[in-house]
Amino acid sequence: MEFPGRLVKGTFLSRPNRFLGMVRVRGEEAGCFVANPGRLRELLRPGTTVWLRENSARERKTRWDLVLARHGDILVSVDTRVVNRILPEAIRSGAIPSLRGLGLVKAEYPFLFSLVVRTHPLQDQPAAVVA
C-alpha cells in the first residue's frame, strides 16, 4: 500500500501514554502521535524500527505520526485510521490467500474494521461481513 507523504525511518524509544510515543528520528529524540489506543506491546518495544510521517500542522503537539513498525520480517501498520484502506487493497490484489476470490462491496462503517464482501463479482447480494 502506498502511504501519503514521505515516510522517514526512526527508532522507537518509549510510549509515555496511549497517543504519545517517543522516537529517535533524524538523529534527535522527538514525540510522535500514535493513532492507536491499543497497547501494542509486541510491536512498540525500545529499539524497534519504525516509519514516521511528518505533520507540520500548527495545532499539533507533535511533529510526527507513527505509521509503521517492523515486526520480524514484516511491516505492521499501527495507524488505525488506515485499516479500511489497507484491507480492500489486499482483497482486490489477492494478497490474503483465505480471502482470494472475494469481491469488495463497501466499507460498513468509516471508523471500524468492517467490510462487506461478495464471492463473485457479478453477484448482487453480499456473501459475508468481515469484521
Protein backbone atom coordinates (compact mmCIF):
# COMPACT_ATOMS: atom_id res chain seq x y z
CA MET A 1 0.00 0.00 0.00
CA GLU A 2 1.17 3.49 -0.78
CA PHE A 3 1.02 5.79 2.22
CA PRO A 4 0.52 9.51 1.57
CA GLY A 5 3.53 11.70 2.27
CA ARG A 6 7.16 10.77 2.67
CA LEU A 7 7.96 8.18 5.34
CA VAL A 8 11.07 8.63 7.47
CA LYS A 9 12.81 5.76 9.27
CA GLY A 10 13.27 6.06 13.03
CA THR A 11 13.74 4.06 16.22
CA PHE A 12 11.03 3.62 18.82
CA LEU A 13 12.10 4.60 22.35
CA SER A 14 9.06 4.65 24.66
CA ARG A 15 5.35 5.30 24.97
CA PRO A 16 4.52 7.72 27.79
CA ASN A 17 0.76 7.47 27.14
CA ARG A 18 -1.82 5.98 24.75
CA PHE A 19 -1.33 8.51 21.97
CA LEU A 20 2.25 9.70 22.52
CA GLY A 21 5.36 7.81 21.53
CA MET A 22 8.98 8.86 21.81
CA VAL A 23 11.25 8.10 18.87
CA ARG A 24 14.72 8.85 17.57
CA VAL A 25 14.37 10.32 14.10
CA ARG A 26 16.97 12.21 12.06
CA GLY A 27 19.37 11.92 14.98
CA GLU A 28 17.07 13.61 17.50
CA GLU A 29 14.61 12.43 20.14
CA ALA A 30 11.07 13.53 19.31
CA GLY A 31 7.46 12.91 20.23
CA CYS A 32 5.10 11.25 17.76
CA PHE A 33 1.35 10.78 17.59
CA VAL A 34 0.32 7.12 17.91
CA ALA A 35 -3.10 6.80 16.23
CA ASN A 36 -3.85 3.56 18.05
CA PRO A 37 -5.01 3.38 21.68
CA GLY A 38 -4.09 -0.32 21.92
CA ARG A 39 -1.09 -1.34 23.99
CA LEU A 40 0.87 -2.79 21.04
CA ARG A 41 3.47 -4.19 23.45
CA GLU A 42 4.52 -6.82 20.91
CA LEU A 43 5.33 -4.14 18.35
CA LEU A 44 6.36 -1.00 20.18
CA ARG A 45 9.43 -2.02 22.13
CA PRO A 46 12.50 0.15 22.70
CA GLY A 47 14.78 -0.25 19.68
CA THR A 48 12.03 -1.25 17.20
CA THR A 49 12.49 0.23 13.73
CA VAL A 50 9.54 2.45 12.84
CA TRP A 51 8.47 4.70 9.97
CA LEU A 52 7.02 8.12 10.60
CA ARG A 53 5.30 10.80 8.56
CA GLU A 54 6.00 14.45 9.23
CA ASN A 55 2.96 16.59 10.02
CA SER A 56 3.62 20.28 10.48
CA ALA A 57 0.08 21.47 11.25
CA ARG A 58 0.24 24.32 13.76
CA GLU A 59 -2.36 22.90 16.14
CA ARG A 60 -0.32 19.69 16.55
CA LYS A 61 1.52 18.85 19.75
CA THR A 62 3.92 16.56 17.89
CA ARG A 63 5.71 16.89 14.56
CA TRP A 64 5.46 13.19 13.65
CA ASP A 65 2.80 10.50 13.10
CA LEU A 66 3.81 6.88 13.76
CA VAL A 67 2.80 4.89 10.67
CA LEU A 68 4.58 1.52 10.56
CA ALA A 69 6.59 -0.71 12.90
CA ARG A 70 8.88 -3.57 11.90
CA HIS A 71 7.96 -6.93 13.44
CA GLY A 72 10.42 -9.58 12.32
CA ASP A 73 10.39 -9.60 8.52
CA ILE A 74 7.18 -7.62 8.08
CA LEU A 75 5.97 -4.06 8.43
CA VAL A 76 2.84 -3.59 10.52
CA SER A 77 0.54 -0.59 10.23
CA VAL A 78 -0.02 0.89 13.69
CA ASP A 79 -2.32 3.64 12.44
CA THR A 80 -5.97 2.63 12.97
CA ARG A 81 -7.05 5.39 10.59
CA VAL A 82 -5.86 3.43 7.52
CA VAL A 83 -7.22 -0.09 8.13
CA ASN A 84 -10.25 0.45 5.88
CA ARG A 85 -7.89 1.35 3.04
CA ILE A 86 -5.40 -1.49 3.56
CA LEU A 87 -7.82 -4.42 3.64
CA PRO A 88 -9.77 -3.52 0.47
CA GLU A 89 -6.48 -3.19 -1.40
CA ALA A 90 -5.35 -6.59 -0.06
CA ILE A 91 -8.66 -8.19 -1.10
CA ARG A 92 -8.50 -6.72 -4.61
CA SER A 93 -4.89 -7.80 -5.13
CA GLY A 94 -5.39 -11.31 -3.71
CA ALA A 95 -2.69 -10.73 -1.10
CA ILE A 96 -4.57 -12.66 1.62
CA PRO A 97 -4.93 -16.29 0.49
CA SER A 98 -8.00 -17.04 2.62
CA LEU A 99 -9.86 -14.05 1.11
CA ARG A 100 -8.97 -14.69 -2.56
CA GLY A 101 -11.97 -14.72 -4.83
CA LEU A 102 -13.99 -12.33 -2.69
CA GLY A 103 -15.15 -9.05 -4.13
CA LEU A 104 -15.37 -5.90 -2.06
CA VAL A 105 -18.82 -4.32 -1.94
CA LYS A 106 -18.37 -1.48 0.56
CA ALA A 107 -16.98 -0.49 3.92
CA GLU A 108 -19.69 -0.83 6.55
CA TYR A 109 -18.54 1.94 8.89
CA PRO A 110 -15.88 4.56 8.20
CA PHE A 111 -14.05 4.12 11.51
CA LEU A 112 -14.33 0.39 12.15
CA PHE A 113 -12.71 -2.65 10.59
CA SER A 114 -15.84 -3.98 8.93
CA LEU A 115 -16.26 -4.74 5.24
CA VAL A 116 -19.00 -6.35 3.16
CA VAL A 117 -17.63 -8.77 0.54
CA ARG A 118 -19.14 -11.00 -2.14
CA THR A 119 -17.91 -14.31 -3.52
CA HIS A 120 -18.38 -13.46 -7.19
CA PRO A 121 -18.04 -10.08 -8.94
CA LEU A 122 -21.41 -10.50 -10.71
CA GLN A 123 -23.46 -11.31 -7.62
CA ASP A 124 -25.66 -8.55 -6.22
CA GLN A 125 -26.02 -9.98 -2.72
CA PRO A 126 -23.22 -9.72 -0.15
CA ALA A 127 -21.79 -13.07 0.93
CA ALA A 128 -20.23 -12.07 4.24
CA VAL A 129 -19.31 -9.27 6.56
CA VAL A 130 -15.64 -9.33 7.51
CA ALA A 131 -15.28 -7.67 10.90
